[in-house]
N, C-alpha and C. Protein backbone atom coordinates (compact mmCIF):
# COMPACT_ATOMS: atom_id res chain seq x y z
N MET A 1 -26.35 -3.75 6.77
CA MET A 1 -25.61 -3.41 7.48
C MET A 1 -23.80 -4.30 8.07
N GLU A 2 -23.54 -5.31 6.94
CA GLU A 2 -22.40 -5.27 6.94
C GLU A 2 -21.54 -4.26 6.22
N ARG A 3 -22.05 -3.80 5.76
CA ARG A 3 -20.80 -2.84 4.50
C ARG A 3 -21.13 -1.58 5.49
N VAL A 4 -21.74 -1.62 5.36
CA VAL A 4 -22.30 0.04 6.29
C VAL A 4 -20.74 -0.34 8.27
N VAL A 5 -20.97 -1.25 8.20
CA VAL A 5 -19.75 -1.42 9.34
C VAL A 5 -18.88 -1.57 9.23
N ALA A 6 -18.32 -1.89 8.22
CA ALA A 6 -17.26 -1.92 7.80
C ALA A 6 -16.80 -0.71 6.87
N LEU A 7 -17.60 -0.24 6.42
CA LEU A 7 -17.25 1.40 6.60
C LEU A 7 -16.80 2.21 7.63
N LEU A 8 -17.74 2.01 8.83
CA LEU A 8 -17.48 2.42 9.79
C LEU A 8 -15.97 2.43 10.04
N LYS A 9 -15.67 1.44 10.45
CA LYS A 9 -14.62 0.48 10.89
C LYS A 9 -13.52 1.47 9.82
N GLU A 10 -13.36 1.00 8.80
CA GLU A 10 -12.41 2.06 7.80
C GLU A 10 -12.28 3.46 7.94
N LYS A 11 -13.47 3.99 7.87
CA LYS A 11 -13.34 6.03 8.82
C LYS A 11 -12.84 6.01 10.09
N ASN A 12 -12.92 5.25 10.51
CA ASN A 12 -12.26 5.19 12.04
C ASN A 12 -10.77 5.16 11.88
N GLN A 13 -10.77 3.84 11.37
CA GLN A 13 -8.70 3.74 10.94
C GLN A 13 -8.24 5.17 10.13
N TYR A 14 -8.80 5.51 8.77
CA TYR A 14 -8.45 6.70 8.53
C TYR A 14 -8.61 8.35 9.75
N LEU A 15 -9.49 8.08 10.23
CA LEU A 15 -9.32 9.11 11.72
C LEU A 15 -8.09 9.12 12.22
N GLU A 16 -8.00 7.39 12.42
CA GLU A 16 -6.91 7.39 13.63
C GLU A 16 -5.83 7.94 13.37
N GLN A 17 -5.58 7.54 11.65
CA GLN A 17 -4.00 7.68 11.19
C GLN A 17 -4.01 9.28 10.71
N PHE A 18 -4.92 10.24 10.70
CA PHE A 18 -5.27 11.68 10.82
C PHE A 18 -4.41 12.12 12.50
N HIS A 19 -5.16 11.78 13.29
CA HIS A 19 -4.79 12.02 14.89
C HIS A 19 -3.95 11.66 14.95
N LEU A 20 -2.64 10.05 14.31
CA LEU A 20 -1.43 10.20 15.00
C LEU A 20 -0.15 11.74 14.04
N VAL A 21 -0.99 11.72 12.50
CA VAL A 21 -0.19 12.50 12.02
C VAL A 21 -0.52 14.09 12.67
N ASN A 22 -1.08 13.63 12.75
CA ASN A 22 -1.52 15.39 13.96
C ASN A 22 -0.65 15.55 14.99
N GLU A 23 -0.17 14.54 16.10
CA GLU A 23 0.01 13.83 17.43
C GLU A 23 1.88 14.21 16.70
N HIS A 24 1.86 13.54 15.79
CA HIS A 24 3.94 13.83 15.64
C HIS A 24 3.70 15.05 14.72
N GLU A 25 2.93 16.09 14.32
CA GLU A 25 3.62 17.33 13.81
C GLU A 25 3.46 18.07 15.19
N LEU A 26 2.07 17.62 16.17
CA LEU A 26 2.28 18.55 17.44
C LEU A 26 3.98 18.39 18.45
N ILE A 27 4.39 17.16 17.98
CA ILE A 27 5.91 17.43 18.40
C ILE A 27 6.71 18.46 17.73
N ASN A 28 6.51 18.25 16.50
CA ASN A 28 8.09 18.86 16.05
C ASN A 28 7.63 20.21 16.10
N PHE A 29 6.08 20.50 16.06
CA PHE A 29 5.83 22.22 15.67
C PHE A 29 6.38 23.07 17.43
N GLY A 30 6.23 21.83 18.67
CA GLY A 30 6.43 21.94 19.54
C GLY A 30 7.84 21.79 20.34
N GLU A 31 9.01 21.44 19.29
CA GLU A 31 9.91 22.19 19.10
C GLU A 31 10.68 23.13 18.08
N GLY A 32 9.87 23.77 17.45
CA GLY A 32 10.06 24.51 16.00
C GLY A 32 10.47 24.05 15.64
N ASN A 33 9.98 23.40 15.01
CA ASN A 33 10.28 22.43 13.86
C ASN A 33 9.22 22.73 12.86
N PHE A 34 9.63 23.09 11.89
CA PHE A 34 8.16 23.40 10.96
C PHE A 34 8.43 23.31 9.09
N ASP A 35 9.42 22.43 9.13
CA ASP A 35 10.63 22.20 8.37
C ASP A 35 9.40 21.18 7.39
N SER A 36 8.90 20.36 7.79
CA SER A 36 7.95 19.61 7.01
C SER A 36 6.02 19.89 7.05
N VAL A 37 5.96 21.28 7.47
CA VAL A 37 4.26 21.61 7.77
C VAL A 37 3.96 21.16 5.77
N GLU A 38 4.67 21.35 4.69
CA GLU A 38 4.58 21.03 3.58
C GLU A 38 3.29 19.44 3.39
N ALA A 39 4.42 18.95 3.76
CA ALA A 39 4.36 17.20 3.82
C ALA A 39 2.70 16.94 4.88
N PHE A 40 3.48 17.60 5.71
CA PHE A 40 1.96 17.40 7.11
C PHE A 40 0.68 17.28 6.32
N TYR A 41 0.42 18.71 5.97
CA TYR A 41 -0.62 19.53 5.31
C TYR A 41 -1.28 18.52 4.10
N GLN A 42 -0.39 18.12 3.20
CA GLN A 42 -1.03 16.97 1.94
C GLN A 42 -1.25 15.92 2.78
N THR A 43 -0.82 14.66 3.85
CA THR A 43 -1.33 13.82 4.25
C THR A 43 -2.51 13.97 4.62
N ARG A 44 -2.82 15.34 5.28
CA ARG A 44 -4.16 15.40 5.84
C ARG A 44 -5.05 15.49 5.06
N ASP A 45 -4.76 16.71 3.81
CA ASP A 45 -5.28 16.52 2.95
C ASP A 45 -5.67 14.96 1.84
N LYS A 46 -4.47 14.33 2.26
CA LYS A 46 -5.22 13.03 1.41
C LYS A 46 -6.35 11.94 2.43
N LEU A 47 -5.39 11.93 3.66
CA LEU A 47 -7.05 11.56 4.64
C LEU A 47 -7.84 11.58 4.55
N LEU A 48 -8.01 12.98 4.10
CA LEU A 48 -9.43 13.55 4.29
C LEU A 48 -10.02 13.80 2.87
N ASP A 49 -9.88 13.32 2.14
CA ASP A 49 -10.35 12.72 0.60
C ASP A 49 -10.22 11.04 0.94
N LEU A 50 -10.03 10.90 1.65
CA LEU A 50 -10.52 9.44 1.86
C LEU A 50 -11.82 9.21 2.67
N ILE A 51 -11.48 9.86 3.49
CA ILE A 51 -12.74 10.10 4.91
C ILE A 51 -13.78 10.34 3.75
N LYS A 52 -13.23 11.37 2.69
CA LYS A 52 -14.87 11.84 1.86
C LYS A 52 -15.23 10.93 1.39
N THR A 53 -14.46 10.10 1.04
CA THR A 53 -15.07 8.25 0.05
C THR A 53 -15.48 7.80 0.87
N VAL A 54 -14.93 7.35 1.76
CA VAL A 54 -16.25 5.88 3.17
C VAL A 54 -17.16 6.71 3.10
N ASP A 55 -17.82 8.14 3.60
CA ASP A 55 -18.55 8.93 4.06
C ASP A 55 -19.40 8.95 2.47
N GLU A 56 -19.32 9.04 1.51
CA GLU A 56 -20.06 9.28 0.42
C GLU A 56 -20.25 7.34 -0.16
N ALA A 57 -19.87 6.40 0.51
CA ALA A 57 -20.05 4.77 0.72
C ALA A 57 -20.92 4.79 2.04
N ILE A 58 -21.10 5.33 2.44
CA ILE A 58 -21.89 5.06 3.33
C ILE A 58 -23.02 5.67 3.14
N GLU A 59 -22.99 6.67 2.83
CA GLU A 59 -24.36 7.61 2.20
C GLU A 59 -25.08 6.90 1.27
N GLU A 60 -24.22 6.06 0.02
CA GLU A 60 -25.01 5.27 -1.24
C GLU A 60 -25.63 4.08 -0.32
N GLU A 61 -24.75 3.23 0.58
CA GLU A 61 -25.09 2.31 1.25
C GLU A 61 -26.38 2.38 2.13
N ASN A 62 -26.07 3.45 2.71
CA ASN A 62 -27.93 3.75 3.53
C ASN A 62 -28.97 4.16 2.06
N ARG A 63 -28.56 4.49 1.40
CA ARG A 63 -29.71 4.92 0.40
C ARG A 63 -30.40 3.00 -0.32
N ARG A 64 -29.84 2.28 -0.35
CA ARG A 64 -29.27 1.15 -0.65
C ARG A 64 -29.97 0.13 -0.19
N MET A 65 -30.04 0.07 0.93
CA MET A 65 -30.23 -0.96 2.66
C MET A 65 -31.83 -0.32 2.94
N PRO A 66 -32.88 -1.86 2.32
CA PRO A 66 -34.08 -1.93 3.00
C PRO A 66 -33.90 -1.12 3.57
N VAL A 67 -35.21 -1.33 4.19
CA VAL A 67 -35.88 -0.39 5.41
C VAL A 67 -36.61 -1.17 6.48
N GLY A 68 -36.24 -1.83 7.76
CA GLY A 68 -36.07 -3.15 7.93
C GLY A 68 -36.09 -2.97 9.25
N PRO A 69 -36.06 -4.32 10.06
CA PRO A 69 -35.63 -3.81 11.45
C PRO A 69 -33.71 -4.37 11.34
N VAL A 70 -33.33 -3.76 12.53
CA VAL A 70 -32.06 -3.83 12.62
C VAL A 70 -32.08 -4.62 13.73
N THR A 71 -30.64 -5.69 14.07
CA THR A 71 -30.29 -6.34 15.44
C THR A 71 -30.16 -5.30 16.50
N ASN A 72 -29.92 -6.08 17.28
CA ASN A 72 -29.93 -5.12 18.50
C ASN A 72 -28.25 -5.91 18.72
N ALA A 73 -27.60 -6.30 18.22
CA ALA A 73 -26.12 -6.72 17.54
C ALA A 73 -25.31 -5.60 16.57
N ALA A 74 -26.48 -5.51 15.82
CA ALA A 74 -25.71 -4.69 15.03
C ALA A 74 -26.09 -3.36 15.04
N ARG A 75 -27.40 -2.96 16.06
CA ARG A 75 -27.34 -1.44 16.46
C ARG A 75 -26.45 -1.02 17.37
N VAL A 76 -25.87 -1.94 18.39
CA VAL A 76 -24.22 -1.96 19.13
C VAL A 76 -23.34 -1.68 18.98
N GLU A 77 -22.87 -2.05 17.94
CA GLU A 77 -21.64 -1.71 17.13
C GLU A 77 -21.58 -1.06 16.11
N VAL A 78 -23.00 -0.39 15.73
CA VAL A 78 -22.75 0.66 14.71
C VAL A 78 -22.55 1.78 16.17
N SER A 79 -23.66 1.96 16.70
CA SER A 79 -23.54 3.19 18.38
C SER A 79 -22.27 3.24 18.55
N SER A 80 -21.09 2.24 18.75
CA SER A 80 -19.64 1.99 20.07
C SER A 80 -19.18 2.78 17.88
N LEU A 81 -19.21 2.11 17.34
CA LEU A 81 -18.53 2.61 15.85
C LEU A 81 -18.56 4.20 16.14
N LEU A 82 -19.46 5.37 16.21
CA LEU A 82 -20.21 5.91 15.74
C LEU A 82 -18.99 6.64 16.75
N ASN A 83 -19.28 6.48 18.52
CA ASN A 83 -18.80 7.19 19.59
C ASN A 83 -17.53 7.21 19.15
N LYS A 84 -16.96 6.15 18.82
CA LYS A 84 -15.85 6.42 18.51
C LYS A 84 -15.23 6.65 17.57
N LYS A 85 -16.03 7.26 16.50
CA LYS A 85 -15.78 8.31 15.34
C LYS A 85 -15.64 9.84 16.49
N ASP A 86 -16.37 10.22 16.86
CA ASP A 86 -17.02 11.73 17.61
C ASP A 86 -15.91 11.40 18.47
N GLU A 87 -15.18 10.86 19.34
CA GLU A 87 -14.09 10.70 20.27
C GLU A 87 -12.67 11.27 19.70
N LEU A 88 -12.59 10.64 18.29
CA LEU A 88 -11.78 10.95 17.19
C LEU A 88 -12.14 12.14 17.26
N VAL A 89 -13.40 12.43 16.61
CA VAL A 89 -13.28 14.29 16.14
C VAL A 89 -12.87 15.05 16.69
N LYS A 90 -13.26 14.62 18.06
CA LYS A 90 -13.68 15.55 19.38
C LYS A 90 -11.76 15.71 19.98
N SER A 91 -11.13 14.59 19.93
CA SER A 91 -9.44 15.12 20.09
C SER A 91 -9.07 15.38 19.03
N ILE A 92 -9.58 15.72 17.57
CA ILE A 92 -8.99 15.96 16.23
C ILE A 92 -8.78 17.15 16.46
N VAL A 93 -9.99 17.72 17.14
CA VAL A 93 -10.25 19.01 16.54
C VAL A 93 -9.17 20.20 17.90
N GLY A 94 -9.29 19.29 19.01
CA GLY A 94 -8.10 20.12 20.00
C GLY A 94 -7.02 19.79 19.65
N GLN A 95 -6.51 18.94 18.69
CA GLN A 95 -4.99 19.11 18.21
C GLN A 95 -4.94 20.26 17.33
N ASP A 96 -6.12 20.40 16.53
CA ASP A 96 -6.41 20.91 15.78
C ASP A 96 -5.93 22.88 15.87
N LEU A 97 -6.44 22.56 17.16
CA LEU A 97 -6.69 24.30 18.23
C LEU A 97 -5.14 24.84 18.11
N GLU A 98 -4.25 23.46 18.69
CA GLU A 98 -2.71 22.96 19.06
C GLU A 98 -2.24 23.50 17.54
N LEU A 99 -2.30 22.95 16.74
CA LEU A 99 -1.43 23.46 16.37
C LEU A 99 -1.41 24.46 15.07
N LEU A 100 -3.24 25.39 15.65
CA LEU A 100 -2.96 26.53 14.88
C LEU A 100 -2.48 28.13 15.88
N SER A 101 -2.13 26.97 17.37
CA SER A 101 -1.44 28.44 18.35
C SER A 101 -0.01 27.75 17.65
N TYR A 102 0.50 27.04 18.19
CA TYR A 102 2.01 26.59 17.15
C TYR A 102 2.27 27.87 16.03
N ILE A 103 1.36 27.86 15.55
CA ILE A 103 1.40 28.57 13.98
C ILE A 103 1.26 29.62 14.17
N GLU A 104 0.39 30.18 14.51
CA GLU A 104 -0.22 31.57 14.54
C GLU A 104 0.85 32.48 15.54
N ARG A 105 1.84 31.72 16.90
CA ARG A 105 3.03 32.34 17.09
C ARG A 105 3.93 32.36 17.00
N GLU A 106 5.16 31.50 15.91
CA GLU A 106 5.70 30.91 14.73
C GLU A 106 5.56 32.57 13.24
N LYS A 107 4.20 32.63 13.45
CA LYS A 107 3.76 33.97 12.35
C LYS A 107 4.03 34.68 12.80
N SER A 108 4.10 35.01 14.48
CA SER A 108 4.24 36.34 15.23
C SER A 108 5.71 36.01 14.95
N ASN A 109 6.40 35.62 15.50
CA ASN A 109 7.44 35.52 16.05
C ASN A 109 9.01 35.88 14.33
N ILE A 110 7.80 35.68 13.40
CA ILE A 110 8.67 35.81 11.87
C ILE A 110 8.01 37.14 12.09
N ILE A 111 7.12 37.57 11.88
CA ILE A 111 7.27 38.63 11.29
C ILE A 111 7.82 40.28 12.29
N ARG A 112 7.43 39.84 14.01
CA ARG A 112 8.57 40.29 15.10
C ARG A 112 10.41 40.48 14.15
N GLU A 113 10.40 39.13 13.32
CA GLU A 113 12.38 39.07 13.36
C GLU A 113 12.20 40.06 12.07
N LEU A 114 11.00 39.90 10.99
CA LEU A 114 11.34 40.49 9.85
C LEU A 114 11.62 41.94 10.61
N HIS A 115 10.41 42.34 11.18
CA HIS A 115 10.16 44.34 11.77
C HIS A 115 11.57 45.26 12.40
N SER A 116 12.39 43.72 12.99
CA SER A 116 13.51 44.03 13.61
C SER A 116 14.33 43.84 12.17
N ASN A 117 14.68 43.58 11.48
CA ASN A 117 15.51 43.09 10.47
C ASN A 117 15.45 44.53 9.74
N SER A 118 14.35 45.12 9.62
CA SER A 118 14.10 46.50 8.67
C SER A 118 14.52 47.67 9.11
N THR A 119 14.06 47.44 10.78
CA THR A 119 14.76 48.53 11.25
C THR A 119 15.66 48.24 11.58
N ALA A 120 16.37 47.06 11.55
CA ALA A 120 17.94 47.52 11.87
C ALA A 120 18.66 48.23 10.39
N LYS A 121 18.11 47.72 9.28
CA LYS A 121 18.59 47.86 7.92
C LYS A 121 18.28 49.50 7.39
N LYS A 122 16.73 50.14 7.97
CA LYS A 122 17.15 51.58 8.24
C LYS A 122 18.32 52.35 8.78
N ALA A 123 18.83 51.75 10.10
CA ALA A 123 20.02 52.59 11.27
C ALA A 123 21.24 52.12 10.14
N VAL A 124 21.28 51.16 9.84
CA VAL A 124 22.36 50.63 8.71
C VAL A 124 22.71 51.72 7.63
N GLY A 125 21.06 51.86 6.91
CA GLY A 125 21.32 52.50 5.74
C GLY A 125 21.89 54.60 7.02
N ALA A 126 21.14 54.83 7.14
CA ALA A 126 21.03 56.02 7.79
C ALA A 126 23.20 56.42 8.14
N TYR A 127 23.22 55.27 9.19
CA TYR A 127 25.05 55.64 8.87
C TYR A 127 25.61 55.75 8.23
N ALA A 128 25.17 54.83 7.15
CA ALA A 128 25.92 54.21 6.18
C ALA A 128 26.18 55.87 5.28
N SER A 129 24.81 56.65 5.23
CA SER A 129 24.34 58.00 4.13
C SER A 129 25.64 59.29 5.35
N THR A 130 25.24 59.43 6.87
CA THR A 130 26.41 60.18 7.27
C THR A 130 28.08 59.47 6.72
N GLU A 131 27.78 58.46 7.36
CA GLU A 131 29.39 58.19 6.66
C GLU A 131 29.91 58.66 5.56
N ARG A 132 29.29 58.96 4.57
CA ARG A 132 29.44 58.86 3.10
C ARG A 132 28.81 60.83 2.83
N LEU A 133 28.93 61.32 4.48
CA LEU A 133 28.36 62.90 4.01
C LEU A 133 29.53 63.60 4.79
N GLN A 134 30.08 62.80 5.72
CA GLN A 134 31.15 62.62 6.45
C GLN A 134 32.70 63.04 6.10
N VAL A 135 32.44 62.21 4.97
CA VAL A 135 33.70 61.77 3.72
C VAL A 135 33.49 62.32 2.63
N VAL A 136 32.45 63.32 2.11
CA VAL A 136 32.40 64.17 1.01
C VAL A 136 32.58 65.61 2.23
N ASP A 137 32.12 65.52 3.03
CA ASP A 137 32.11 66.97 3.45
C ASP A 137 33.92 67.25 3.92
N GLY A 138 34.57 66.06 4.10
CA GLY A 138 36.30 65.92 4.39
C GLY A 138 36.45 65.95 5.88
N GLU A 139 35.70 65.70 6.91
CA GLU A 139 35.91 65.52 7.83
C GLU A 139 36.81 64.27 8.24
């Protein structure tokens, strides 16, 4: 049981790191700074891989543990760690929704800007064609 408790603590530490990474990037995105988005996603992926490895170790430890009575202290500690994990996951989901909102907003702004640039190029192209025709016509 001690090994499971240690693994649950380790998992919560990775979730806290994940939460902090999200928090930092929320500040950047809120300021319109998307320069570190690639590093942000790489960091998240590494943390998710670590969390997956810990989850696998927990599963393996649970399979190997003999079935038997668990002390009340161990039950309380595991319950507390699982509650902490649930709180972190809920908070991370909320952060992810905010991050997606910022990304969608920025994507819409970029699409509008590209459309505006395309329209401007067409207008300039039409104006340039008119100018060439006037020169050719001798005006």
